[in-house]
């Protein structure tokens, strides 16, 4: 009876782990696709600013250049925010990953390393 319960618990743990990995892979793919779109948007905004600047040098109005510059800033900001959100999700999920994997590892205390020897105090 105990063996059957242990086997069932083991199987459930494996299935949950596979589900977690599947979710993580889906999230990773979505993040990657979103980042690609953000990068494309930033490149397009950079090119628009370049073209608008050329037009300004040829006599076009300054507000168009300012608008293009603002659009580039917003696109770059969106890209940076996306990167920060992805990093925050990774950091937030580290404890869960450790628990799921049954790890007893503790986070590294970087302050415990000496600069000159590289050894832990």
C-alpha atoms as a PDB file:
ATOM      1  CA  UNK A   1       0.000   0.000   0.000  1.00  0.00           C
ATOM      2  CA  UNK A   2       2.765   2.462   0.944  1.00  0.00           C
ATOM      3  CA  UNK A   3       4.665   1.514  -2.168  1.00  0.00           C
ATOM      4  CA  UNK A   4       1.610   2.252  -4.347  1.00  0.00           C
ATOM      5  CA  UNK A   5       1.143   5.626  -2.632  1.00  0.00           C
ATOM      6  CA  UNK A   6       4.809   6.469  -3.083  1.00  0.00           C
ATOM      7  CA  UNK A   7       4.652   5.470  -6.761  1.00  0.00           C
ATOM      8  CA  UNK A   8       1.527   7.582  -7.269  1.00  0.00           C
ATOM      9  CA  UNK A   9       3.162  10.566  -5.552  1.00  0.00           C
ATOM     10  CA  UNK A  10       6.253  10.102  -7.725  1.00  0.00           C
ATOM     11  CA  UNK A  11       4.176   9.938 -10.912  1.00  0.00           C
ATOM     12  CA  UNK A  12       2.218  13.036  -9.904  1.00  0.00           C
ATOM     13  CA  UNK A  13       5.478  14.884  -9.240  1.00  0.00           C
ATOM     14  CA  UNK A  14       6.807  13.893 -12.654  1.00  0.00           C
ATOM     15  CA  UNK A  15       3.575  14.958 -14.387  1.00  0.00           C
ATOM     16  CA  UNK A  16       3.550  18.280 -12.528  1.00  0.00           C
ATOM     17  CA  UNK A  17       7.183  18.864 -13.473  1.00  0.00           C
ATOM     18  CA  UNK A  18       6.439  18.146 -17.130  1.00  0.00           C
ATOM     19  CA  UNK A  19       3.483  20.521 -16.965  1.00  0.00           C
ATOM     20  CA  UNK A  20       5.710  23.218 -15.417  1.00  0.00           C
ATOM     21  CA  UNK A  21       8.342  22.740 -18.116  1.00  0.00           C
ATOM     22  CA  UNK A  22       5.673  22.939 -20.815  1.00  0.00           C
ATOM     23  CA  UNK A  23       4.313  26.167 -19.330  1.00  0.00           C
ATOM     24  CA  UNK A  24       7.817  27.595 -19.090  1.00  0.00           C
ATOM     25  CA  UNK A  25       8.562  26.750 -22.728  1.00  0.00           C
ATOM     26  CA  UNK A  26       5.321  28.357 -23.886  1.00  0.00           C
ATOM     27  CA  UNK A  27       6.084  31.478 -21.857  1.00  0.00           C
ATOM     28  CA  UNK A  28       9.620  31.549 -23.231  1.00  0.00           C
ATOM     29  CA  UNK A  29       8.350  31.343 -26.819  1.00  0.00           C
ATOM     30  CA  UNK A  30       5.799  34.097 -26.224  1.00  0.00           C
ATOM     31  CA  UNK A  31       8.467  36.278 -24.630  1.00  0.00           C
ATOM     32  CA  UNK A  32      10.793  35.644 -27.542  1.00  0.00           C
ATOM     33  CA  UNK A  33       8.092  36.523 -30.070  1.00  0.00           C
ATOM     34  CA  UNK A  34       7.160  39.662 -28.133  1.00  0.00           C
ATOM     35  CA  UNK A  35      10.803  40.712 -27.924  1.00  0.00           C
ATOM     36  CA  UNK A  36      11.215  40.225 -31.680  1.00  0.00           C
ATOM     37  CA  UNK A  37       8.190  42.445 -32.289  1.00  0.00           C
ATOM     38  CA  UNK A  38       9.523  45.082 -29.881  1.00  0.00           C
ATOM     39  CA  UNK A  39      12.911  45.025 -31.619  1.00  0.00           C
ATOM     40  CA  UNK A  40      11.220  45.369 -35.002  1.00  0.00           C
ATOM     41  CA  UNK A  41       9.218  48.316 -33.701  1.00  0.00           C
ATOM     42  CA  UNK A  42      12.379  49.968 -32.346  1.00  0.00           C
ATOM     43  CA  UNK A  43      14.209  49.461 -35.670  1.00  0.00           C
ATOM     44  CA  UNK A  44      11.274  50.940 -37.583  1.00  0.00           C
ATOM     45  CA  UNK A  45      11.140  53.923 -35.218  1.00  0.00           C
ATOM     46  CA  UNK A  46      14.909  54.444 -35.591  1.00  0.00           C
ATOM     47  CA  UNK A  47      14.584  54.402 -39.380  1.00  0.00           C
ATOM     48  CA  UNK A  48      11.610  56.779 -39.239  1.00  0.00           C
ATOM     49  CA  UNK A  49      13.673  59.197 -37.145  1.00  0.00           C
ATOM     50  CA  UNK A  50      16.538  58.969 -39.602  1.00  0.00           C
ATOM     51  CA  UNK A  51      14.268  59.693 -42.569  1.00  0.00           C
ATOM     52  CA  UNK A  52      12.488  62.502 -40.759  1.00  0.00           C
ATOM     53  CA  UNK A  53      15.831  64.053 -39.844  1.00  0.00           C
ATOM     54  CA  UNK A  54      16.886  63.924 -43.492  1.00  0.00           C
ATOM     55  CA  UNK A  55      13.608  65.595 -44.448  1.00  0.00           C
ATOM     56  CA  UNK A  56      14.127  68.228 -41.754  1.00  0.00           C
ATOM     57  CA  UNK A  57      17.570  68.992 -43.131  1.00  0.00           C
ATOM     58  CA  UNK A  58      15.823  69.445 -46.480  1.00  0.00           C
ATOM     59  CA  UNK A  59      13.314  71.903 -45.042  1.00  0.00           C
ATOM     60  CA  UNK A  60      10.584  69.833 -43.307  1.00  0.00           C
ATOM     61  CA  UNK A  61       9.159  70.952 -39.964  1.00  0.00           C
ATOM     62  CA  UNK A  62      10.925  70.333 -36.641  1.00  0.00           C
ATOM     63  CA  UNK A  63       7.810  68.921 -34.869  1.00  0.00           C
ATOM     64  CA  UNK A  64       7.932  65.871 -37.154  1.00  0.00           C
ATOM     65  CA  UNK A  65      11.483  65.153 -36.024  1.00  0.00           C
ATOM     66  CA  UNK A  66      10.465  65.550 -32.386  1.00  0.00           C
ATOM     67  CA  UNK A  67       7.510  63.212 -32.924  1.00  0.00           C
ATOM     68  CA  UNK A  68       9.746  60.587 -34.555  1.00  0.00           C
ATOM     69  CA  UNK A  69      12.270  60.951 -31.737  1.00  0.00           C
ATOM     70  CA  UNK A  70       9.496  60.466 -29.160  1.00  0.00           C
ATOM     71  CA  UNK A  71       8.254  57.350 -30.973  1.00  0.00           C
ATOM     72  CA  UNK A  72      11.782  55.919 -30.941  1.00  0.00           C
ATOM     73  CA  UNK A  73      12.087  56.626 -27.224  1.00  0.00           C
ATOM     74  CA  UNK A  74       8.750  54.893 -26.529  1.00  0.00           C
ATOM     75  CA  UNK A  75       9.784  51.861 -28.602  1.00  0.00           C
ATOM     76  CA  UNK A  76      13.132  51.590 -26.819  1.00  0.00           C
ATOM     77  CA  UNK A  77      11.432  52.024 -23.459  1.00  0.00           C
ATOM     78  CA  UNK A  78       8.998  49.209 -24.294  1.00  0.00           C
ATOM     79  CA  UNK A  79      11.915  46.967 -25.227  1.00  0.00           C
ATOM     80  CA  UNK A  80      13.722  47.730 -21.963  1.00  0.00           C
ATOM     81  CA  UNK A  81      10.574  47.197 -19.900  1.00  0.00           C
ATOM     82  CA  UNK A  82       9.998  43.845 -21.585  1.00  0.00           C
ATOM     83  CA  UNK A  83      13.542  42.770 -20.749  1.00  0.00           C
ATOM     84  CA  UNK A  84      13.093  43.850 -17.128  1.00  0.00           C
ATOM     85  CA  UNK A  85       9.790  41.969 -16.840  1.00  0.00           C
ATOM     86  CA  UNK A  86      11.350  38.790 -18.247  1.00  0.00           C
ATOM     87  CA  UNK A  87      14.259  39.044 -15.823  1.00  0.00           C
ATOM     88  CA  UNK A  88      11.871  39.605 -12.908  1.00  0.00           C
ATOM     89  CA  UNK A  89       9.862  36.503 -13.879  1.00  0.00           C
ATOM     90  CA  UNK A  90      13.013  34.393 -14.011  1.00  0.00           C
ATOM     91  CA  UNK A  91      14.129  35.594 -10.589  1.00  0.00           C
ATOM     92  CA  UNK A  92      10.632  35.127  -9.139  1.00  0.00           C
ATOM     93  CA  UNK A  93      10.460  31.546 -10.432  1.00  0.00           C
ATOM     94  CA  UNK A  94      13.838  30.409  -9.106  1.00  0.00           C
ATOM     95  CA  UNK A  95      12.525  29.307  -5.689  1.00  0.00           C
ATOM     96  CA  UNK A  96       9.695  27.365  -7.357  1.00  0.00           C
ATOM     97  CA  UNK A  97      12.149  25.677  -9.710  1.00  0.00           C
ATOM     98  CA  UNK A  98      14.377  24.709  -6.805  1.00  0.00           C
ATOM     99  CA  UNK A  99      11.414  23.215  -4.915  1.00  0.00           C
ATOM    100  CA  UNK A 100      10.165  21.343  -7.972  1.00  0.00           C
ATOM    101  CA  UNK A 101      13.588  19.871  -8.571  1.00  0.00           C
ATOM    102  CA  UNK A 102      13.949  18.976  -4.920  1.00  0.00           C
ATOM    103  CA  UNK A 103      17.073  21.065  -4.622  1.00  0.00           C
ATOM    104  CA  UNK A 104      18.496  21.853  -1.226  1.00  0.00           C
ATOM    105  CA  UNK A 105      20.776  24.469  -2.750  1.00  0.00           C
ATOM    106  CA  UNK A 106      20.896  27.845  -1.109  1.00  0.00           C
ATOM    107  CA  UNK A 107      21.428  31.057  -3.054  1.00  0.00           C
ATOM    108  CA  UNK A 108      25.065  32.062  -3.340  1.00  0.00           C
ATOM    109  CA  UNK A 109      26.100  34.731  -0.877  1.00  0.00           C
ATOM    110  CA  UNK A 110      28.259  36.917  -3.073  1.00  0.00           C
ATOM    111  CA  UNK A 111      29.318  38.982  -0.065  1.00  0.00           C
ATOM    112  CA  UNK A 112      31.025  35.926   1.417  1.00  0.00           C
ATOM    113  CA  UNK A 113      33.602  35.835  -1.395  1.00  0.00           C
ATOM    114  CA  UNK A 114      36.795  37.775  -0.956  1.00  0.00           C
ATOM    115  CA  UNK A 115      37.935  39.857  -3.885  1.00  0.00           C
ATOM    116  CA  UNK A 116      41.572  38.822  -3.732  1.00  0.00           C
ATOM    117  CA  UNK A 117      41.372  35.096  -3.017  1.00  0.00           C
ATOM    118  CA  UNK A 118      38.041  34.087  -4.573  1.00  0.00           C
ATOM    119  CA  UNK A 119      37.515  31.677  -1.669  1.00  0.00           C
ATOM    120  CA  UNK A 120      34.495  31.601   0.582  1.00  0.00           C
ATOM    121  CA  UNK A 121      35.178  32.925   4.080  1.00  0.00           C
END
